């Protein structure tokens, strides 16, 4: 499947292709992603849990066999859900809706697919004192449908807005699988490390008290999703934020530094991106490394309607 490139991004994408043998650093790739996205149409005939409190907050992309999919995490008045979007011939269609949890865990936040596993945070957005991180193994059944097999749960309970789960990412360091969880507006990032068959809390990062002197700018935004990419032994976090009123989205890039207790962040770059046809990173931002090893960003619609769009920044192939 070929996705057309936006005219404003063609030169940058050709530059990436020309330099592919040298392999641009991840920071250079980040700076080269076109700011103008291409919008692909999304059609839907499935029942979507909605309500005045519902919206999309996470978006991920994967390929399984000969098929390509997006997974969008969403919330509603009653339940949290994951929408599976099939992609074919530059058009996207809702294949299925997977209900994740019912009340009070009605709010699914940002998500990430990592090593064939779907990580998503789901919070009680009324009490704002509890949440659960769920992980699912992804597979395709004989009918060609994407399936979710529940794998792990991380339960969080605590003070108001401190243990919510609006943003969730995952990565591997050496042989350790790490889950990172951003609470309300990502004011804190908590880390959990897989030990045997469970995830154990191993530290936190607070940008107010731990902001680094070497940051390119001191700003930390209320990220609606956080995703992680590894390259050459280093871990990078991308924080996604959108301003739908200004029709722009912002991505901040951080280098992760492991400390004896927890993690530190070095802010290395930031970019603004233009919206396209109702897509904004406030309604789901996500990252993907394409088969050529280049970064791609996505933005989703605020709601899945009968006709809407998904924005792609870069070339997914």
Protein backbone atom coordinates (compact mmCIF):
# COMPACT_ATOMS: atom_id res chain seq x y z
CA UNK A 1 0.00 0.00 0.00
CA UNK A 2 1.35 3.41 -0.99
CA UNK A 3 0.54 6.58 0.91
CA UNK A 4 1.02 9.75 -1.10
CA UNK A 5 3.47 12.30 0.27
CA UNK A 6 2.41 15.92 0.85
CA UNK A 7 4.12 18.36 -1.52
CA UNK A 8 5.66 20.34 1.35
CA UNK A 9 7.25 17.21 2.75
CA UNK A 10 8.58 15.72 -0.49
CA UNK A 11 12.00 17.41 -0.35
CA UNK A 12 12.55 16.42 3.27
CA UNK A 13 11.49 12.85 2.63
CA UNK A 14 13.78 12.64 -0.40
CA UNK A 15 16.62 13.92 1.77
CA UNK A 16 15.93 11.17 4.29
CA UNK A 17 15.94 8.57 1.50
CA UNK A 18 19.18 9.96 0.06
CA UNK A 19 20.89 9.80 3.45
CA UNK A 20 19.38 6.48 4.51
CA UNK A 21 22.66 4.60 4.11
CA UNK A 22 24.27 6.93 6.62
CA UNK A 23 21.21 6.59 8.90
CA UNK A 24 20.21 9.99 10.19
CA UNK A 25 20.29 10.36 13.94
CA UNK A 26 16.88 10.19 15.55
CA UNK A 27 17.05 13.91 16.36
CA UNK A 28 17.78 14.72 12.70
CA UNK A 29 14.90 12.47 11.63
CA UNK A 30 12.62 14.29 14.04
CA UNK A 31 13.62 17.65 12.57
CA UNK A 32 13.05 16.34 9.02
CA UNK A 33 9.46 15.12 9.49
CA UNK A 34 7.14 17.27 7.34
CA UNK A 35 5.03 19.72 9.32
CA UNK A 36 2.17 19.34 6.82
CA UNK A 37 0.42 15.97 7.11
CA UNK A 38 -1.47 13.95 4.62
CA UNK A 39 -5.01 13.10 5.66
CA UNK A 40 -6.50 9.71 4.84
CA UNK A 41 -10.24 9.21 5.01
CA UNK A 42 -11.74 7.08 7.80
CA UNK A 43 -15.23 5.65 7.42
CA UNK A 44 -17.24 3.90 10.10
CA UNK A 45 -20.49 1.95 10.34
CA UNK A 46 -19.88 0.39 13.79
CA UNK A 47 -21.47 1.50 17.05
CA UNK A 48 -19.00 3.71 18.93
CA UNK A 49 -19.50 4.33 22.68
CA UNK A 50 -19.92 8.08 22.87
CA UNK A 51 -21.34 10.80 25.10
CA UNK A 52 -20.38 14.33 25.96
CA UNK A 53 -17.36 13.06 27.94
CA UNK A 54 -15.93 10.82 25.26
CA UNK A 55 -13.05 11.41 22.86
CA UNK A 56 -10.03 9.77 21.19
CA UNK A 57 -6.69 10.11 22.99
CA UNK A 58 -4.25 7.55 21.56
CA UNK A 59 -3.33 6.26 18.11
CA UNK A 60 -0.95 3.49 17.03
CA UNK A 61 -0.09 1.74 13.76
CA UNK A 62 0.96 -1.84 13.05
CA UNK A 63 1.16 -4.42 10.30
CA UNK A 64 0.12 -8.05 10.71
CA UNK A 65 0.66 -10.40 7.81
CA UNK A 66 -0.52 -8.63 4.68
CA UNK A 67 -2.75 -6.16 6.53
CA UNK A 68 -2.16 -2.79 8.17
CA UNK A 69 -4.09 -1.37 11.11
CA UNK A 70 -4.50 1.63 13.33
CA UNK A 71 -5.64 1.21 16.93
CA UNK A 72 -7.33 4.25 18.49
CA UNK A 73 -8.00 4.40 22.24
CA UNK A 74 -11.21 6.14 23.25
CA UNK A 75 -13.46 7.06 26.14
CA UNK A 76 -17.17 7.56 26.60
CA UNK A 77 -19.81 8.21 29.25
CA UNK A 78 -19.83 4.53 30.19
CA UNK A 79 -16.83 2.56 28.91
CA UNK A 80 -13.31 2.70 27.56
CA UNK A 81 -12.56 1.09 24.21
CA UNK A 82 -10.03 0.40 21.47
CA UNK A 83 -11.11 0.90 17.86
CA UNK A 84 -9.37 -1.29 15.27
CA UNK A 85 -9.02 0.48 11.93
CA UNK A 86 -8.16 -1.50 8.81
CA UNK A 87 -6.08 0.33 6.19
CA UNK A 88 -6.27 -0.59 2.52
CA UNK A 89 -5.74 1.35 -0.72
CA UNK A 90 -5.16 4.62 1.15
CA UNK A 91 -8.53 4.34 2.91
CA UNK A 92 -9.28 3.42 6.51
CA UNK A 93 -12.35 1.62 7.85
CA UNK A 94 -13.37 0.69 11.39
CA UNK A 95 -13.12 -3.11 11.58
CA UNK A 96 -14.14 -3.64 15.21
CA UNK A 97 -14.59 -2.04 18.63
CA UNK A 98 -13.09 -3.70 21.70
CA UNK A 99 -14.57 -2.62 25.03
CA UNK A 100 -11.69 -2.44 27.52
CA UNK A 101 -13.43 -1.66 30.82
CA UNK A 102 -16.73 -0.36 32.12
CA UNK A 103 -17.48 2.18 34.88
CA UNK A 104 -15.66 3.71 36.62
CA UNK A 105 -12.77 3.02 34.22
CA UNK A 106 -14.42 4.77 31.31
CA UNK A 107 -11.49 6.91 30.16
CA UNK A 108 -8.80 5.28 27.98
CA UNK A 109 -5.81 7.55 27.50
CA UNK A 110 -2.73 7.48 25.32
CA UNK A 111 -1.30 4.12 24.23
CA UNK A 112 1.67 2.40 22.58
CA UNK A 113 2.29 -0.84 20.71
CA UNK A 114 5.61 -2.35 21.72
CA UNK A 115 6.93 -5.79 20.74
CA UNK A 116 3.50 -6.95 19.55
CA UNK A 117 1.85 -5.84 22.79
CA UNK A 118 -0.71 -3.06 23.17
CA UNK A 119 -0.24 -0.89 26.29
CA UNK A 120 -3.06 1.44 27.33
CA UNK A 121 -3.87 3.40 30.48
CA UNK A 122 -7.48 3.53 31.68
CA UNK A 123 -8.58 5.84 34.48
CA UNK A 124 -11.53 6.69 36.67
CA UNK A 125 -11.93 10.26 35.48
CA UNK A 126 -14.56 11.04 38.14
CA UNK A 127 -12.70 10.25 41.35
CA UNK A 128 -9.30 10.70 39.61
CA UNK A 129 -7.82 8.49 42.34
CA UNK A 130 -7.39 5.19 40.54
CA UNK A 131 -6.41 3.72 37.20
CA UNK A 132 -5.24 0.51 35.57
CA UNK A 133 -2.67 -0.09 32.85
CA UNK A 134 -3.71 -3.00 30.66
CA UNK A 135 -1.55 -4.85 28.15
CA UNK A 136 -2.79 -7.09 25.36
CA UNK A 137 -1.03 -9.49 23.02
CA UNK A 138 -2.10 -8.75 19.44
CA UNK A 139 -2.76 -11.48 16.88
CA UNK A 140 -4.84 -12.17 13.79
CA UNK A 141 -7.45 -14.95 13.76
CA UNK A 142 -8.38 -17.25 10.85
CA UNK A 143 -10.90 -14.71 9.62
CA UNK A 144 -8.19 -12.07 9.40
CA UNK A 145 -9.48 -10.02 12.33
CA UNK A 146 -7.11 -8.44 14.85
CA UNK A 147 -7.53 -10.03 18.29
CA UNK A 148 -6.69 -8.82 21.80
CA UNK A 149 -5.47 -11.28 24.44
CA UNK A 150 -5.25 -9.71 27.89
CA UNK A 151 -1.75 -10.12 29.30
CA UNK A 152 -0.91 -7.84 32.27
CA UNK A 153 -2.60 -5.37 34.61
CA UNK A 154 -0.95 -2.62 36.65
CA UNK A 155 -3.31 -1.21 39.28
CA UNK A 156 -2.79 2.33 40.60
CA UNK A 157 -4.48 3.91 43.62
CA UNK A 158 -3.61 7.16 45.38
CA UNK A 159 -4.13 10.90 45.68
CA UNK A 160 -6.37 13.00 43.46
CA UNK A 161 -4.96 13.23 39.89
CA UNK A 162 -1.63 11.70 41.02
CA UNK A 163 -2.34 8.13 39.83
CA UNK A 164 -4.45 8.67 36.75
CA UNK A 165 -3.19 7.26 33.43
CA UNK A 166 -3.78 9.69 30.60
CA UNK A 167 -0.60 8.73 28.72
CA UNK A 168 1.16 5.36 28.47
CA UNK A 169 4.31 4.21 26.69
CA UNK A 170 6.67 1.23 26.77
CA UNK A 171 10.27 0.42 25.87
CA UNK A 172 13.06 -2.04 26.56
CA UNK A 173 16.35 -1.26 28.24
CA UNK A 174 18.89 -4.09 28.04
CA UNK A 175 16.69 -7.07 28.97
CA UNK A 176 14.12 -5.12 30.98
CA UNK A 177 10.65 -4.22 29.75
CA UNK A 178 9.62 -0.80 31.08
CA UNK A 179 6.17 0.81 31.17
CA UNK A 180 5.92 4.59 31.60
CA UNK A 181 2.68 6.23 32.76
CA UNK A 182 1.83 9.92 32.64
CA UNK A 183 -0.77 11.02 35.18
CA UNK A 184 -3.22 13.94 34.84
CA UNK A 185 -1.77 16.26 32.15
CA UNK A 186 1.48 14.23 32.49
CA UNK A 187 2.52 16.19 35.57
CA UNK A 188 4.50 13.11 36.66
CA UNK A 189 5.87 10.12 34.73
CA UNK A 190 5.94 6.85 36.70
CA UNK A 191 8.01 3.85 35.65
CA UNK A 192 7.27 0.15 36.10
CA UNK A 193 9.73 -2.62 35.32
CA UNK A 194 8.72 -6.18 34.47
CA UNK A 195 10.08 -8.61 37.04
CA UNK A 196 9.15 -12.24 36.48
CA UNK A 197 5.46 -12.04 35.55
CA UNK A 198 4.50 -8.69 37.10
CA UNK A 199 5.37 -5.01 36.72
CA UNK A 200 6.94 -3.30 39.75
CA UNK A 201 7.14 0.46 40.41
CA UNK A 202 10.77 1.60 40.03
CA UNK A 203 10.68 5.42 40.11
CA UNK A 204 9.17 8.69 38.89
CA UNK A 205 10.06 11.88 37.08
CA UNK A 206 8.57 15.26 38.01
CA UNK A 207 9.36 18.09 35.56
CA UNK A 208 8.89 20.83 38.16
CA UNK A 209 11.54 19.53 40.55
CA UNK A 210 13.80 17.66 38.10
CA UNK A 211 13.88 19.82 34.97
CA UNK A 212 17.35 19.69 33.42
CA UNK A 213 19.65 22.65 32.76
CA UNK A 214 20.53 21.33 29.30
CA UNK A 215 16.97 21.42 27.94
CA UNK A 216 16.58 23.25 24.63
CA UNK A 217 13.63 25.02 26.25
CA UNK A 218 12.25 24.66 29.75
CA UNK A 219 8.64 24.11 28.68
CA UNK A 220 6.86 20.90 29.69
CA UNK A 221 3.35 20.55 28.28
CA UNK A 222 0.27 18.57 29.39
CA UNK A 223 1.08 15.71 27.03
CA UNK A 224 -1.93 13.66 25.95
CA UNK A 225 0.26 10.76 25.00
CA UNK A 226 3.87 9.66 25.44
CA UNK A 227 5.67 7.18 23.18
CA UNK A 228 9.20 5.76 23.24
CA UNK A 229 11.69 4.80 20.54
CA UNK A 230 15.11 3.16 20.96
CA UNK A 231 18.06 3.82 18.66
CA UNK A 232 21.72 2.87 19.06
CA UNK A 233 21.24 1.92 22.69
CA UNK A 234 19.52 5.17 23.67
CA UNK A 235 15.88 5.66 24.65
CA UNK A 236 13.89 8.69 23.51
CA UNK A 237 10.47 9.87 24.65
CA UNK A 238 8.05 11.87 22.50
CA UNK A 239 5.41 13.95 24.27
CA UNK A 240 2.33 14.81 22.16
CA UNK A 241 0.20 17.89 22.75
CA UNK A 242 -2.42 19.60 20.62
CA UNK A 243 -4.11 22.98 20.52
CA UNK A 244 -7.25 22.41 18.48
CA UNK A 245 -8.25 26.09 18.66
CA UNK A 246 -5.02 27.10 16.89
CA UNK A 247 -5.10 23.98 14.68
CA UNK A 248 -1.55 23.08 15.62
CA UNK A 249 0.12 20.20 17.44
CA UNK A 250 3.41 20.12 19.34
CA UNK A 251 5.83 17.25 19.89
CA UNK A 252 8.67 17.43 22.42
CA UNK A 253 11.57 14.99 22.18
CA UNK A 254 13.54 13.84 25.23
CA UNK A 255 16.58 11.64 25.71
CA UNK A 256 16.11 9.26 28.66
CA UNK A 257 18.90 8.91 31.21
CA UNK A 258 18.83 6.02 33.71
CA UNK A 259 19.77 6.92 37.28
CA UNK A 260 20.23 4.80 40.40
CA UNK A 261 16.73 5.81 41.45
CA UNK A 262 14.39 6.42 38.55
CA UNK A 263 15.03 8.36 35.36
CA UNK A 264 16.09 11.76 34.15
CA UNK A 265 15.01 13.53 30.96
CA UNK A 266 17.09 15.67 28.61
CA UNK A 267 14.93 17.73 26.27
CA UNK A 268 16.73 17.68 22.91
CA UNK A 269 14.24 19.02 20.35
CA UNK A 270 10.71 20.26 19.77
CA UNK A 271 8.49 20.82 16.75
CA UNK A 272 5.12 22.28 15.82
CA UNK A 273 2.92 20.51 13.27
CA UNK A 274 -0.11 21.69 11.34
CA UNK A 275 -3.45 19.97 11.68
CA UNK A 276 -5.39 18.40 8.82
CA UNK A 277 -9.15 17.95 8.46
CA UNK A 278 -10.07 17.78 12.14
CA UNK A 279 -7.03 15.77 13.29
CA UNK A 280 -5.06 17.08 16.26
CA UNK A 281 -2.58 15.45 18.64
CA UNK A 282 -4.80 16.41 21.55
CA UNK A 283 -7.06 13.69 20.14
CA UNK A 284 -4.39 11.07 19.86
CA UNK A 285 -0.75 11.42 18.88
CA UNK A 286 1.50 8.46 18.16
CA UNK A 287 4.88 7.48 16.72
CA UNK A 288 5.96 4.68 14.38
CA UNK A 289 9.33 3.60 13.00
CA UNK A 290 8.81 2.60 9.37
CA UNK A 291 10.63 -0.35 7.71
CA UNK A 292 13.37 2.00 6.48
CA UNK A 293 14.04 3.08 10.06
CA UNK A 294 12.47 6.54 9.76
CA UNK A 295 10.13 8.27 12.18
CA UNK A 296 6.45 8.78 11.38
CA UNK A 297 3.87 10.64 13.51
CA UNK A 298 0.09 10.28 13.56
CA UNK A 299 -2.83 12.39 14.77
CA UNK A 300 -6.40 11.23 15.20
CA UNK A 301 -9.87 12.79 15.14
CA UNK A 302 -11.50 13.93 18.38
CA UNK A 303 -14.35 11.46 17.70
CA UNK A 304 -14.79 8.56 15.31
CA UNK A 305 -17.74 9.54 13.13
CA UNK A 306 -19.22 8.03 9.99
CA UNK A 307 -16.70 10.06 8.00
CA UNK A 308 -13.55 11.55 9.49
CA UNK A 309 -9.77 11.44 8.97
CA UNK A 310 -6.39 10.30 10.27
CA UNK A 311 -3.32 12.51 9.75
CA UNK A 312 0.07 11.02 8.81
CA UNK A 313 3.32 12.97 9.13
CA UNK A 314 5.92 11.19 7.04
CA UNK A 315 5.93 7.96 5.04
CA UNK A 316 4.68 4.80 6.75
CA UNK A 317 6.45 2.69 4.13
